[in-house]
Amino acid sequence: MKKPTALLPAVLVALLLAAPVTPIHAQTLASDPLFKTIQALDTQLFDAYNHCDLEKFGSLVADDIEFYHDKTGLSRGRQALVEGIKNNICGKVTRELVPGTLEVYPIANYGAVEIGIHRFHHPGHEEPGSVGEAKFIHLWQNKDGVWKVTRVISFDHQSLNK
């Protein structure tokens, strides 16, 4: 019969292997410089979006941006995206980042990925069910010290019940 202490190393190894692994490179802390940078860029991007500052908005997205939307499909190119904002968003929709949902992770030799949940409002038309939420992923490229969004995935759009 084996002694209980002989099983201890095997049990410890099994527990370590079963424990959740925390990503070492996760940059989700508000005090992290990369997190602060992407958070500030998100604020700039959506302040421009909310105030129909198409020049500022366009300056934060790459020429060859790809925007994947679960309801409308794929849009390619800065001009198409800016025109879409002008024709479908300006004066009709505002976006807010849902507090506590922002995650930022570095992408080696490229930039960062931003993940979160955003909420969309229709100013002047805030009837029950008119507010929507969606998840998003933004890929930010840092090229020569200039950050631009190169890919966007906006998905799981849902109406919120008030």
N, C-alpha and C. Protein backbone atom coordinates (compact mmCIF):
# COMPACT_ATOMS: atom_id res chain seq x y z
N MET A 1 0.84 -1.19 0.00
CA MET A 1 0.00 0.00 0.00
C MET A 1 0.88 1.24 0.00
N LYS A 2 0.55 2.20 -0.90
CA LYS A 2 1.35 3.41 -1.00
C LYS A 2 0.95 4.38 0.10
N LYS A 3 1.94 5.13 0.53
CA LYS A 3 1.67 6.16 1.53
C LYS A 3 0.98 7.35 0.87
N PRO A 4 0.07 8.03 1.58
CA PRO A 4 -0.60 9.20 1.01
C PRO A 4 0.38 10.28 0.56
N THR A 5 1.51 10.42 1.24
CA THR A 5 2.46 11.47 0.86
C THR A 5 3.14 11.16 -0.46
N ALA A 6 3.14 9.91 -0.87
CA ALA A 6 3.74 9.55 -2.16
C ALA A 6 2.88 10.06 -3.31
N LEU A 7 1.60 10.24 -3.11
CA LEU A 7 0.70 10.73 -4.14
C LEU A 7 0.71 12.26 -4.25
N LEU A 8 1.24 12.92 -3.25
CA LEU A 8 1.21 14.38 -3.22
C LEU A 8 1.83 15.02 -4.45
N PRO A 9 3.03 14.64 -4.90
CA PRO A 9 3.58 15.27 -6.10
C PRO A 9 2.69 15.08 -7.33
N ALA A 10 2.12 13.91 -7.50
CA ALA A 10 1.26 13.66 -8.65
C ALA A 10 -0.01 14.52 -8.60
N VAL A 11 -0.58 14.68 -7.41
CA VAL A 11 -1.77 15.50 -7.24
C VAL A 11 -1.45 16.97 -7.53
N LEU A 12 -0.31 17.45 -7.06
CA LEU A 12 0.08 18.83 -7.30
C LEU A 12 0.29 19.10 -8.79
N VAL A 13 0.93 18.18 -9.50
CA VAL A 13 1.14 18.34 -10.93
C VAL A 13 -0.22 18.36 -11.65
N ALA A 14 -1.12 17.47 -11.26
CA ALA A 14 -2.44 17.43 -11.89
C ALA A 14 -3.20 18.74 -11.66
N LEU A 15 -3.11 19.29 -10.45
CA LEU A 15 -3.79 20.56 -10.15
C LEU A 15 -3.19 21.71 -10.96
N LEU A 16 -1.87 21.72 -11.09
CA LEU A 16 -1.23 22.78 -11.87
C LEU A 16 -1.63 22.70 -13.34
N LEU A 17 -1.72 21.50 -13.88
CA LEU A 17 -2.11 21.33 -15.27
C LEU A 17 -3.57 21.70 -15.50
N ALA A 18 -4.40 21.51 -14.51
CA ALA A 18 -5.83 21.80 -14.64
C ALA A 18 -6.16 23.27 -14.35
N ALA A 19 -5.24 24.01 -13.74
CA ALA A 19 -5.49 25.40 -13.38
C ALA A 19 -5.59 26.27 -14.62
N PRO A 20 -6.46 27.27 -14.60
CA PRO A 20 -6.56 28.17 -15.75
C PRO A 20 -5.24 28.92 -15.93
N VAL A 21 -4.89 29.12 -17.18
CA VAL A 21 -3.66 29.82 -17.49
C VAL A 21 -4.01 31.28 -17.78
N THR A 22 -3.34 32.19 -17.09
CA THR A 22 -3.54 33.61 -17.31
C THR A 22 -2.53 34.07 -18.35
N PRO A 23 -2.99 34.73 -19.42
CA PRO A 23 -2.04 35.19 -20.43
C PRO A 23 -1.02 36.13 -19.82
N ILE A 24 0.22 35.87 -20.06
CA ILE A 24 1.29 36.69 -19.51
C ILE A 24 1.30 38.07 -20.14
N HIS A 25 0.94 38.15 -21.41
CA HIS A 25 1.04 39.41 -22.13
C HIS A 25 -0.26 40.20 -22.17
N ALA A 26 -1.25 39.80 -21.44
CA ALA A 26 -2.52 40.53 -21.46
C ALA A 26 -2.30 41.95 -20.96
N GLN A 27 -2.85 42.89 -21.68
CA GLN A 27 -2.68 44.30 -21.34
C GLN A 27 -4.04 44.89 -21.02
N THR A 28 -4.69 44.40 -20.01
CA THR A 28 -6.04 44.86 -19.73
C THR A 28 -6.09 45.78 -18.50
N LEU A 29 -4.95 46.10 -17.92
CA LEU A 29 -4.94 46.94 -16.75
C LEU A 29 -4.97 48.41 -17.16
N ALA A 30 -5.83 49.17 -16.51
CA ALA A 30 -5.98 50.58 -16.85
C ALA A 30 -4.68 51.36 -16.65
N SER A 31 -3.76 50.85 -15.85
CA SER A 31 -2.50 51.54 -15.62
C SER A 31 -1.45 51.20 -16.68
N ASP A 32 -1.71 50.24 -17.53
CA ASP A 32 -0.76 49.82 -18.54
C ASP A 32 -0.66 50.87 -19.66
N PRO A 33 0.55 51.23 -20.10
CA PRO A 33 0.69 52.25 -21.15
C PRO A 33 -0.02 51.88 -22.47
N LEU A 34 0.06 50.63 -22.89
CA LEU A 34 -0.61 50.24 -24.12
C LEU A 34 -2.12 50.35 -23.97
N PHE A 35 -2.64 49.92 -22.83
CA PHE A 35 -4.07 50.04 -22.56
C PHE A 35 -4.50 51.50 -22.65
N LYS A 36 -3.72 52.38 -22.01
CA LYS A 36 -4.05 53.81 -22.02
C LYS A 36 -4.02 54.38 -23.43
N THR A 37 -3.04 53.96 -24.22
CA THR A 37 -2.94 54.44 -25.60
C THR A 37 -4.16 54.04 -26.42
N ILE A 38 -4.52 52.76 -26.36
CA ILE A 38 -5.65 52.27 -27.16
C ILE A 38 -6.96 52.85 -26.64
N GLN A 39 -7.08 52.97 -25.34
CA GLN A 39 -8.28 53.59 -24.76
C GLN A 39 -8.43 55.03 -25.27
N ALA A 40 -7.34 55.78 -25.31
CA ALA A 40 -7.38 57.15 -25.80
C ALA A 40 -7.72 57.19 -27.30
N LEU A 41 -7.17 56.25 -28.06
CA LEU A 41 -7.48 56.18 -29.49
C LEU A 41 -8.95 55.83 -29.72
N ASP A 42 -9.47 54.91 -28.93
CA ASP A 42 -10.89 54.56 -29.02
C ASP A 42 -11.75 55.79 -28.75
N THR A 43 -11.38 56.55 -27.74
CA THR A 43 -12.12 57.77 -27.40
C THR A 43 -12.07 58.76 -28.57
N GLN A 44 -10.89 58.96 -29.16
CA GLN A 44 -10.77 59.88 -30.30
C GLN A 44 -11.62 59.41 -31.49
N LEU A 45 -11.52 58.12 -31.78
CA LEU A 45 -12.24 57.55 -32.92
C LEU A 45 -13.74 57.75 -32.78
N PHE A 46 -14.25 57.46 -31.59
CA PHE A 46 -15.71 57.53 -31.42
C PHE A 46 -16.22 58.91 -31.04
N ASP A 47 -15.36 59.79 -30.56
CA ASP A 47 -15.77 61.19 -30.45
C ASP A 47 -15.99 61.75 -31.86
N ALA A 48 -15.07 61.40 -32.77
CA ALA A 48 -15.23 61.83 -34.17
C ALA A 48 -16.48 61.20 -34.78
N TYR A 49 -16.72 59.94 -34.52
CA TYR A 49 -17.91 59.21 -35.00
C TYR A 49 -19.18 59.89 -34.49
N ASN A 50 -19.21 60.15 -33.18
CA ASN A 50 -20.41 60.73 -32.56
C ASN A 50 -20.68 62.16 -32.99
N HIS A 51 -19.64 62.90 -33.35
CA HIS A 51 -19.80 64.31 -33.72
C HIS A 51 -19.67 64.55 -35.22
N CYS A 52 -19.66 63.46 -35.98
CA CYS A 52 -19.59 63.53 -37.44
C CYS A 52 -18.38 64.32 -37.92
N ASP A 53 -17.27 64.16 -37.22
CA ASP A 53 -16.00 64.76 -37.65
C ASP A 53 -15.33 63.75 -38.56
N LEU A 54 -15.76 63.74 -39.82
CA LEU A 54 -15.32 62.71 -40.76
C LEU A 54 -13.84 62.81 -41.10
N GLU A 55 -13.28 64.01 -41.06
CA GLU A 55 -11.85 64.16 -41.31
C GLU A 55 -11.04 63.48 -40.20
N LYS A 56 -11.40 63.75 -38.96
CA LYS A 56 -10.70 63.13 -37.82
C LYS A 56 -10.92 61.62 -37.83
N PHE A 57 -12.16 61.20 -38.05
CA PHE A 57 -12.46 59.77 -38.09
C PHE A 57 -11.60 59.10 -39.16
N GLY A 58 -11.59 59.65 -40.35
CA GLY A 58 -10.82 59.08 -41.45
C GLY A 58 -9.33 59.02 -41.18
N SER A 59 -8.82 59.98 -40.39
CA SER A 59 -7.38 60.00 -40.09
C SER A 59 -6.96 58.87 -39.17
N LEU A 60 -7.93 58.24 -38.51
CA LEU A 60 -7.62 57.17 -37.56
C LEU A 60 -7.81 55.77 -38.14
N VAL A 61 -8.20 55.69 -39.41
CA VAL A 61 -8.38 54.39 -40.05
C VAL A 61 -7.45 54.26 -41.25
N ALA A 62 -7.01 53.06 -41.51
CA ALA A 62 -6.09 52.78 -42.61
C ALA A 62 -6.81 52.89 -43.95
N ASP A 63 -6.05 53.21 -44.98
CA ASP A 63 -6.61 53.28 -46.34
C ASP A 63 -7.32 51.99 -46.72
N ASP A 64 -6.70 50.87 -46.34
CA ASP A 64 -7.21 49.54 -46.74
C ASP A 64 -7.99 48.84 -45.62
N ILE A 65 -8.65 49.63 -44.76
CA ILE A 65 -9.40 49.04 -43.64
C ILE A 65 -10.42 48.02 -44.16
N GLU A 66 -10.59 46.98 -43.37
CA GLU A 66 -11.66 46.01 -43.62
C GLU A 66 -12.57 46.04 -42.41
N PHE A 67 -13.87 46.23 -42.65
CA PHE A 67 -14.86 46.31 -41.59
C PHE A 67 -15.87 45.18 -41.79
N TYR A 68 -15.87 44.26 -40.86
CA TYR A 68 -16.77 43.10 -40.90
C TYR A 68 -17.91 43.35 -39.91
N HIS A 69 -19.12 43.36 -40.40
CA HIS A 69 -20.30 43.64 -39.57
C HIS A 69 -21.27 42.47 -39.73
N ASP A 70 -21.74 41.93 -38.63
CA ASP A 70 -22.59 40.73 -38.70
C ASP A 70 -23.91 40.96 -39.43
N LYS A 71 -24.37 42.20 -39.50
CA LYS A 71 -25.65 42.48 -40.16
C LYS A 71 -25.50 42.98 -41.60
N THR A 72 -24.41 43.71 -41.87
CA THR A 72 -24.27 44.32 -43.19
C THR A 72 -23.13 43.74 -44.02
N GLY A 73 -22.33 42.87 -43.43
CA GLY A 73 -21.26 42.23 -44.19
C GLY A 73 -19.95 43.00 -44.18
N LEU A 74 -19.19 42.84 -45.24
CA LEU A 74 -17.85 43.40 -45.35
C LEU A 74 -17.86 44.73 -46.10
N SER A 75 -17.15 45.69 -45.54
CA SER A 75 -16.89 46.96 -46.20
C SER A 75 -15.38 47.13 -46.26
N ARG A 76 -14.88 47.54 -47.42
CA ARG A 76 -13.43 47.70 -47.58
C ARG A 76 -13.09 49.13 -47.97
N GLY A 77 -12.03 49.62 -47.37
CA GLY A 77 -11.49 50.92 -47.73
C GLY A 77 -11.99 52.06 -46.87
N ARG A 78 -11.09 53.01 -46.63
CA ARG A 78 -11.41 54.17 -45.80
C ARG A 78 -12.56 54.97 -46.39
N GLN A 79 -12.52 55.22 -47.68
CA GLN A 79 -13.55 56.07 -48.29
C GLN A 79 -14.95 55.46 -48.12
N ALA A 80 -15.07 54.15 -48.34
CA ALA A 80 -16.37 53.48 -48.19
C ALA A 80 -16.85 53.58 -46.74
N LEU A 81 -15.93 53.41 -45.78
CA LEU A 81 -16.32 53.48 -44.38
C LEU A 81 -16.76 54.89 -44.01
N VAL A 82 -15.98 55.89 -44.41
CA VAL A 82 -16.33 57.28 -44.10
C VAL A 82 -17.67 57.65 -44.74
N GLU A 83 -17.89 57.24 -45.97
CA GLU A 83 -19.17 57.51 -46.64
C GLU A 83 -20.32 56.82 -45.90
N GLY A 84 -20.08 55.60 -45.43
CA GLY A 84 -21.10 54.89 -44.66
C GLY A 84 -21.45 55.61 -43.38
N ILE A 85 -20.44 56.16 -42.70
CA ILE A 85 -20.68 56.93 -41.48
C ILE A 85 -21.48 58.19 -41.83
N LYS A 86 -21.06 58.88 -42.88
CA LYS A 86 -21.74 60.11 -43.30
C LYS A 86 -23.21 59.86 -43.63
N ASN A 87 -23.48 58.79 -44.37
CA ASN A 87 -24.84 58.54 -44.85
C ASN A 87 -25.75 57.82 -43.85
N ASN A 88 -25.18 57.05 -42.94
CA ASN A 88 -26.01 56.21 -42.07
C ASN A 88 -25.90 56.50 -40.58
N ILE A 89 -24.88 57.24 -40.17
CA ILE A 89 -24.63 57.43 -38.74
C ILE A 89 -24.80 58.88 -38.30
N CYS A 90 -24.22 59.80 -39.06
CA CYS A 90 -24.21 61.21 -38.66
C CYS A 90 -25.61 61.72 -38.31
N GLY A 91 -25.74 62.19 -37.07
CA GLY A 91 -27.01 62.74 -36.60
C GLY A 91 -28.05 61.70 -36.25
N LYS A 92 -27.74 60.43 -36.44
CA LYS A 92 -28.72 59.36 -36.20
C LYS A 92 -28.32 58.40 -35.09
N VAL A 93 -27.01 58.20 -34.92
CA VAL A 93 -26.51 57.19 -33.98
C VAL A 93 -25.31 57.73 -33.23
N THR A 94 -25.24 57.41 -31.93
CA THR A 94 -24.03 57.67 -31.16
C THR A 94 -23.60 56.37 -30.51
N ARG A 95 -22.32 56.28 -30.25
CA ARG A 95 -21.74 55.07 -29.67
C ARG A 95 -21.10 55.39 -28.33
N GLU A 96 -21.26 54.48 -27.38
CA GLU A 96 -20.53 54.58 -26.12
C GLU A 96 -19.91 53.22 -25.82
N LEU A 97 -18.74 53.25 -25.24
CA LEU A 97 -18.07 52.04 -24.78
C LEU A 97 -18.72 51.62 -23.47
N VAL A 98 -19.11 50.36 -23.35
CA VAL A 98 -19.70 49.88 -22.10
C VAL A 98 -18.58 49.82 -21.06
N PRO A 99 -18.73 50.56 -19.95
CA PRO A 99 -17.67 50.59 -18.94
C PRO A 99 -17.28 49.18 -18.46
N GLY A 100 -15.97 49.01 -18.30
CA GLY A 100 -15.45 47.76 -17.77
C GLY A 100 -15.29 46.64 -18.78
N THR A 101 -15.59 46.91 -20.07
CA THR A 101 -15.50 45.83 -21.06
C THR A 101 -14.25 45.90 -21.93
N LEU A 102 -13.50 46.97 -21.85
CA LEU A 102 -12.35 47.15 -22.73
C LEU A 102 -11.20 46.22 -22.36
N GLU A 103 -10.70 45.51 -23.37
CA GLU A 103 -9.51 44.67 -23.22
C GLU A 103 -8.54 45.06 -24.32
N VAL A 104 -7.25 45.08 -23.99
CA VAL A 104 -6.22 45.43 -24.96
C VAL A 104 -5.07 44.45 -24.83
N TYR A 105 -4.61 43.93 -25.98
CA TYR A 105 -3.52 42.97 -26.01
C TYR A 105 -2.52 43.36 -27.09
N PRO A 106 -1.25 43.23 -26.82
CA PRO A 106 -0.25 43.58 -27.85
C PRO A 106 -0.22 42.54 -28.97
N ILE A 107 0.09 43.01 -30.16
CA ILE A 107 0.35 42.15 -31.31
C ILE A 107 1.80 42.46 -31.72
N ALA A 108 2.69 41.51 -31.52
CA ALA A 108 4.12 41.72 -31.75
C ALA A 108 4.39 42.24 -33.16
N ASN A 109 5.25 43.23 -33.24
CA ASN A 109 5.69 43.81 -34.51
C ASN A 109 4.54 44.35 -35.36
N TYR A 110 3.43 44.69 -34.72
CA TYR A 110 2.30 45.23 -35.46
C TYR A 110 1.60 46.34 -34.69
N GLY A 111 1.08 46.03 -33.51
CA GLY A 111 0.32 47.02 -32.75
C GLY A 111 -0.44 46.39 -31.61
N ALA A 112 -1.76 46.40 -31.71
CA ALA A 112 -2.58 45.90 -30.60
C ALA A 112 -3.95 45.48 -31.11
N VAL A 113 -4.58 44.62 -30.32
CA VAL A 113 -5.97 44.26 -30.57
C VAL A 113 -6.80 44.80 -29.40
N GLU A 114 -7.91 45.43 -29.75
CA GLU A 114 -8.84 45.99 -28.77
C GLU A 114 -10.14 45.20 -28.86
N ILE A 115 -10.64 44.80 -27.71
CA ILE A 115 -11.87 44.01 -27.64
C ILE A 115 -12.79 44.68 -26.62
N GLY A 116 -14.06 44.70 -26.90
CA GLY A 116 -14.99 45.28 -25.94
C GLY A 116 -16.43 45.15 -26.38
N ILE A 117 -17.27 45.85 -25.66
CA ILE A 117 -18.70 45.91 -25.97
C ILE A 117 -19.06 47.38 -26.09
N HIS A 118 -19.80 47.71 -27.14
CA HIS A 118 -20.25 49.08 -27.27
C HIS A 118 -21.76 49.13 -27.41
N ARG A 119 -22.27 50.28 -27.03
CA ARG A 119 -23.72 50.51 -27.00
C ARG A 119 -24.04 51.64 -27.97
N PHE A 120 -25.11 51.48 -28.72
CA PHE A 120 -25.51 52.48 -29.71
C PHE A 120 -26.84 53.09 -29.32
N HIS A 121 -26.88 54.41 -29.40
CA HIS A 121 -28.08 55.17 -29.07
C HIS A 121 -28.56 55.91 -30.31
N HIS A 122 -29.84 56.23 -30.31
CA HIS A 122 -30.45 57.00 -31.39
C HIS A 122 -31.01 58.27 -30.77
N PRO A 123 -30.19 59.33 -30.70
CA PRO A 123 -30.61 60.55 -30.01
C PRO A 123 -31.97 61.06 -30.50
N GLY A 124 -32.82 61.33 -29.52
CA GLY A 124 -34.16 61.81 -29.83
C GLY A 124 -35.15 60.69 -30.11
N HIS A 125 -34.66 59.47 -30.18
CA HIS A 125 -35.51 58.31 -30.47
C HIS A 125 -35.16 57.17 -29.53
N GLU A 126 -35.18 57.43 -28.24
CA GLU A 126 -34.78 56.44 -27.25
C GLU A 126 -35.97 55.64 -26.72
N GLU A 127 -36.77 55.12 -27.65
CA GLU A 127 -37.87 54.27 -27.25
C GLU A 127 -37.32 52.95 -26.73
N PRO A 128 -38.13 52.20 -25.95
CA PRO A 128 -37.68 50.88 -25.51
C PRO A 128 -37.29 50.01 -26.70
N GLY A 129 -36.15 49.39 -26.59
CA GLY A 129 -35.67 48.53 -27.66
C GLY A 129 -34.86 49.24 -28.73
N SER A 130 -34.75 50.58 -28.64
CA SER A 130 -34.01 51.30 -29.67
C SER A 130 -32.51 51.34 -29.39
N VAL A 131 -32.11 51.06 -28.15
CA VAL A 131 -30.70 51.04 -27.80
C VAL A 131 -30.17 49.65 -28.10
N GLY A 132 -29.03 49.60 -28.75
CA GLY A 132 -28.44 48.31 -29.10
C GLY A 132 -27.04 48.17 -28.56
N GLU A 133 -26.61 46.93 -28.46
CA GLU A 133 -25.26 46.61 -28.01
C GLU A 133 -24.65 45.62 -28.97
N ALA A 134 -23.31 45.67 -29.05
CA ALA A 134 -22.58 44.71 -29.88
C ALA A 134 -21.19 44.54 -29.31
N LYS A 135 -20.59 43.43 -29.65
CA LYS A 135 -19.20 43.17 -29.31
C LYS A 135 -18.35 43.65 -30.48
N PHE A 136 -17.10 44.00 -30.18
CA PHE A 136 -16.23 44.46 -31.26
C PHE A 136 -14.79 44.03 -31.02
N ILE A 137 -14.08 43.94 -32.13
CA ILE A 137 -12.64 43.70 -32.13
C ILE A 137 -12.05 44.70 -33.11
N HIS A 138 -11.09 45.49 -32.65
CA HIS A 138 -10.38 46.42 -33.51
C HIS A 138 -8.91 46.02 -33.54
N LEU A 139 -8.35 45.94 -34.71
CA LEU A 139 -6.92 45.69 -34.86
C LEU A 139 -6.26 47.02 -35.18
N TRP A 140 -5.37 47.46 -34.29
CA TRP A 140 -4.68 48.74 -34.44
C TRP A 140 -3.24 48.48 -34.88
N GLN A 141 -2.81 49.19 -35.91
CA GLN A 141 -1.43 49.08 -36.36
C GLN A 141 -0.67 50.34 -35.93
N ASN A 142 0.52 50.13 -35.39
CA ASN A 142 1.40 51.24 -35.04
C ASN A 142 2.52 51.25 -36.07
N LYS A 143 2.42 52.15 -37.02
CA LYS A 143 3.41 52.23 -38.10
C LYS A 143 4.13 53.56 -37.99
N ASP A 144 5.41 53.50 -37.68
CA ASP A 144 6.22 54.71 -37.53
C ASP A 144 5.63 55.67 -36.50
N GLY A 145 5.07 55.11 -35.41
CA GLY A 145 4.52 55.92 -34.33
C GLY A 145 3.11 56.45 -34.57
N VAL A 146 2.51 56.06 -35.70
CA VAL A 146 1.15 56.50 -36.02
C VAL A 146 0.23 55.29 -35.92
N TRP A 147 -0.80 55.41 -35.08
CA TRP A 147 -1.76 54.33 -34.87
C TRP A 147 -2.95 54.49 -35.80
N LYS A 148 -3.34 53.39 -36.46
CA LYS A 148 -4.55 53.39 -37.29
C LYS A 148 -5.25 52.04 -37.15
N VAL A 149 -6.57 52.08 -37.24
CA VAL A 149 -7.35 50.84 -37.25
C VAL A 149 -7.24 50.24 -38.64
N THR A 150 -6.90 48.94 -38.69
CA THR A 150 -6.79 48.26 -39.98
C THR A 150 -7.90 47.24 -40.20
N ARG A 151 -8.44 46.68 -39.13
CA ARG A 151 -9.51 45.69 -39.23
C ARG A 151 -10.49 45.93 -38.08
N VAL A 152 -11.78 45.78 -38.41
CA VAL A 152 -12.84 45.90 -37.41
C VAL A 152 -13.77 44.72 -37.60
N ILE A 153 -14.14 44.11 -36.49
CA ILE A 153 -15.19 43.09 -36.50
C ILE A 153 -16.22 43.55 -35.47
N SER A 154 -17.44 43.78 -35.92
CA SER A 154 -18.52 44.21 -35.05
C SER A 154 -19.62 43.15 -35.17
N PHE A 155 -19.94 42.51 -34.04
CA PHE A 155 -20.81 41.34 -34.10
C PHE A 155 -21.68 41.21 -32.85
N ASP A 156 -22.62 40.29 -32.93
CA ASP A 156 -23.55 40.02 -31.83
C ASP A 156 -24.40 41.25 -31.50
N HIS A 157 -24.85 41.95 -32.54
CA HIS A 157 -25.70 43.11 -32.34
C HIS A 157 -27.06 42.66 -31.78
N GLN A 158 -27.46 43.32 -30.70
CA GLN A 158 -28.71 43.00 -30.04
C GLN A 158 -29.38 44.27 -29.55
N SER A 159 -30.68 44.24 -29.54
CA SER A 159 -31.46 45.33 -28.96
C SER A 159 -31.50 45.15 -27.44
N LEU A 160 -31.34 46.23 -26.71
CA LEU A 160 -31.45 46.16 -25.26
C LEU A 160 -32.86 46.51 -24.85
N ASN A 161 -33.40 45.75 -23.96
CA ASN A 161 -34.73 46.06 -23.42
C ASN A 161 -34.55 46.97 -22.24
N LYS A 162 -35.29 48.06 -22.22
CA LYS A 162 -35.20 49.00 -21.09
C LYS A 162 -36.21 48.64 -20.04
